[in-house]
Amino acid sequence: MSRSIILLCLVFMICISFNEGQRMFRGQRCLCSKTYDRLRPDNVMDWKVHKPSAFCDTTEIVVTLKKPQMKVCLNPKSPMGRHLLTA
């Protein structure tokens, strides 16, 4: 093969890999994929509100539970979520 064909293929492959990498960062990188509408208030140990940002365009409420000690997401549009947002 000639040098120009090899060089053209190399440039083409670099362009394709750059486009694939750019596409990966366009998607949202939200923390919450599943949200709950209600949780037992006595089981809530802590909560943190994440405002919309460049990575995720929705408000997220991450709640740390006492038992089992894990983090879950609360729907900010639910009554309990609205209460935590105003607290």
C-alpha atoms as a PDB file:
ATOM      1  CA  MET A   1       0.000   0.000   0.000  1.00  0.00           C
ATOM      2  CA  SER A   2       1.088   3.507  -0.555  1.00  0.00           C
ATOM      3  CA  ARG A   3       1.931   5.895   2.229  1.00  0.00           C
ATOM      4  CA  SER A   4      -0.952   8.231   1.469  1.00  0.00           C
ATOM      5  CA  ILE A   5      -3.544   5.454   1.912  1.00  0.00           C
ATOM      6  CA  ILE A   6      -2.014   4.368   5.218  1.00  0.00           C
ATOM      7  CA  LEU A   7      -1.884   7.966   6.424  1.00  0.00           C
ATOM      8  CA  LEU A   8      -5.488   8.560   5.359  1.00  0.00           C
ATOM      9  CA  CYS A   9      -6.649   5.428   7.222  1.00  0.00           C
ATOM     10  CA  LEU A  10      -4.755   6.508  10.322  1.00  0.00           C
ATOM     11  CA  VAL A  11      -6.332   9.983  10.295  1.00  0.00           C
ATOM     12  CA  PHE A  12      -9.771   8.442   9.747  1.00  0.00           C
ATOM     13  CA  MET A  13      -9.360   6.081  12.726  1.00  0.00           C
ATOM     14  CA  ILE A  14      -8.205   8.925  14.987  1.00  0.00           C
ATOM     15  CA  CYS A  15     -11.256  10.974  14.011  1.00  0.00           C
ATOM     16  CA  ILE A  16     -13.604   8.070  14.737  1.00  0.00           C
ATOM     17  CA  SER A  17     -12.073   7.419  18.162  1.00  0.00           C
ATOM     18  CA  PHE A  18     -12.286  11.132  19.042  1.00  0.00           C
ATOM     19  CA  ASN A  19     -15.978  11.236  18.097  1.00  0.00           C
ATOM     20  CA  GLU A  20     -16.755   8.146  20.173  1.00  0.00           C
ATOM     21  CA  GLY A  21     -14.998   9.668  23.180  1.00  0.00           C
ATOM     22  CA  GLN A  22     -16.944  12.909  22.837  1.00  0.00           C
ATOM     23  CA  ARG A  23     -20.254  11.060  22.625  1.00  0.00           C
ATOM     24  CA  MET A  24     -19.535   9.323  25.914  1.00  0.00           C
ATOM     25  CA  PHE A  25     -19.386  12.603  27.838  1.00  0.00           C
ATOM     26  CA  ARG A  26     -22.588  14.035  26.400  1.00  0.00           C
ATOM     27  CA  GLY A  27     -24.833  11.711  28.386  1.00  0.00           C
ATOM     28  CA  GLN A  28     -25.985  12.538  31.855  1.00  0.00           C
ATOM     29  CA  ARG A  29     -23.980  11.268  34.767  1.00  0.00           C
ATOM     30  CA  CYS A  30     -26.632  11.390  37.442  1.00  0.00           C
ATOM     31  CA  LEU A  31     -26.218   9.558  40.727  1.00  0.00           C
ATOM     32  CA  CYS A  32     -29.797   8.319  40.923  1.00  0.00           C
ATOM     33  CA  SER A  33     -31.183   5.815  38.464  1.00  0.00           C
ATOM     34  CA  LYS A  34     -33.963   4.621  40.768  1.00  0.00           C
ATOM     35  CA  THR A  35     -35.804   6.861  43.225  1.00  0.00           C
ATOM     36  CA  TYR A  36     -38.177   6.171  46.095  1.00  0.00           C
ATOM     37  CA  ASP A  37     -41.235   8.275  46.848  1.00  0.00           C
ATOM     38  CA  ARG A  38     -41.339   7.425  50.547  1.00  0.00           C
ATOM     39  CA  LEU A  39     -38.953   6.290  53.241  1.00  0.00           C
ATOM     40  CA  ARG A  40     -39.419   5.721  56.961  1.00  0.00           C
ATOM     41  CA  PRO A  41     -38.355   9.012  58.580  1.00  0.00           C
ATOM     42  CA  ASP A  42     -36.920   7.266  61.637  1.00  0.00           C
ATOM     43  CA  ASN A  43     -34.621   5.231  59.356  1.00  0.00           C
ATOM     44  CA  VAL A  44     -33.038   8.329  57.765  1.00  0.00           C
ATOM     45  CA  MET A  45     -29.576   9.038  59.145  1.00  0.00           C
ATOM     46  CA  ASP A  46     -28.472  11.802  56.748  1.00  0.00           C
ATOM     47  CA  TRP A  47     -29.361  13.330  53.409  1.00  0.00           C
ATOM     48  CA  LYS A  48     -27.593  15.414  50.806  1.00  0.00           C
ATOM     49  CA  VAL A  49     -29.182  17.481  48.059  1.00  0.00           C
ATOM     50  CA  HIS A  50     -27.356  17.685  44.734  1.00  0.00           C
ATOM     51  CA  LYS A  51     -28.484  20.645  42.657  1.00  0.00           C
ATOM     52  CA  PRO A  52     -28.593  20.482  38.842  1.00  0.00           C
ATOM     53  CA  SER A  53     -25.146  20.804  37.291  1.00  0.00           C
ATOM     54  CA  ALA A  54     -23.303  20.314  34.020  1.00  0.00           C
ATOM     55  CA  PHE A  55     -23.227  16.566  34.661  1.00  0.00           C
ATOM     56  CA  CYS A  56     -26.888  16.061  35.607  1.00  0.00           C
ATOM     57  CA  ASP A  57     -29.782  18.422  34.939  1.00  0.00           C
ATOM     58  CA  THR A  58     -32.049  17.173  37.736  1.00  0.00           C
ATOM     59  CA  THR A  59     -32.108  17.792  41.479  1.00  0.00           C
ATOM     60  CA  GLU A  60     -31.134  14.650  43.380  1.00  0.00           C
ATOM     61  CA  ILE A  61     -31.644  13.790  47.039  1.00  0.00           C
ATOM     62  CA  VAL A  62     -29.303  11.066  48.305  1.00  0.00           C
ATOM     63  CA  VAL A  63     -30.434   9.642  51.644  1.00  0.00           C
ATOM     64  CA  THR A  64     -28.272   7.537  53.949  1.00  0.00           C
ATOM     65  CA  LEU A  65     -30.323   4.952  55.816  1.00  0.00           C
ATOM     66  CA  LYS A  66     -29.576   3.627  59.306  1.00  0.00           C
ATOM     67  CA  LYS A  67     -30.545  -0.013  58.685  1.00  0.00           C
ATOM     68  CA  PRO A  68     -29.422  -1.332  56.342  1.00  0.00           C
ATOM     69  CA  GLN A  69     -26.675   1.269  56.174  1.00  0.00           C
ATOM     70  CA  MET A  70     -26.880   2.199  52.531  1.00  0.00           C
ATOM     71  CA  LYS A  71     -27.562   5.173  50.292  1.00  0.00           C
ATOM     72  CA  VAL A  72     -30.783   5.472  48.304  1.00  0.00           C
ATOM     73  CA  CYS A  73     -32.303   8.245  46.234  1.00  0.00           C
ATOM     74  CA  LEU A  74     -35.494  10.063  47.103  1.00  0.00           C
ATOM     75  CA  ASN A  75     -37.770  11.531  44.464  1.00  0.00           C
ATOM     76  CA  PRO A  76     -37.548  15.337  44.836  1.00  0.00           C
ATOM     77  CA  LYS A  77     -41.118  15.692  43.511  1.00  0.00           C
ATOM     78  CA  SER A  78     -42.617  13.439  46.193  1.00  0.00           C
ATOM     79  CA  PRO A  79     -44.095  14.995  49.366  1.00  0.00           C
ATOM     80  CA  MET A  80     -41.189  13.744  51.478  1.00  0.00           C
ATOM     81  CA  GLY A  81     -38.670  14.983  48.906  1.00  0.00           C
ATOM     82  CA  ARG A  82     -40.239  18.445  48.807  1.00  0.00           C
ATOM     83  CA  HIS A  83     -40.159  18.520  52.612  1.00  0.00           C
ATOM     84  CA  LEU A  84     -36.428  17.711  52.662  1.00  0.00           C
ATOM     85  CA  LEU A  85     -35.733  20.359  50.019  1.00  0.00           C
ATOM     86  CA  THR A  86     -37.349  23.048  52.145  1.00  0.00           C
ATOM     87  CA  ALA A  87     -35.700  21.857  55.402  1.00  0.00           C
END
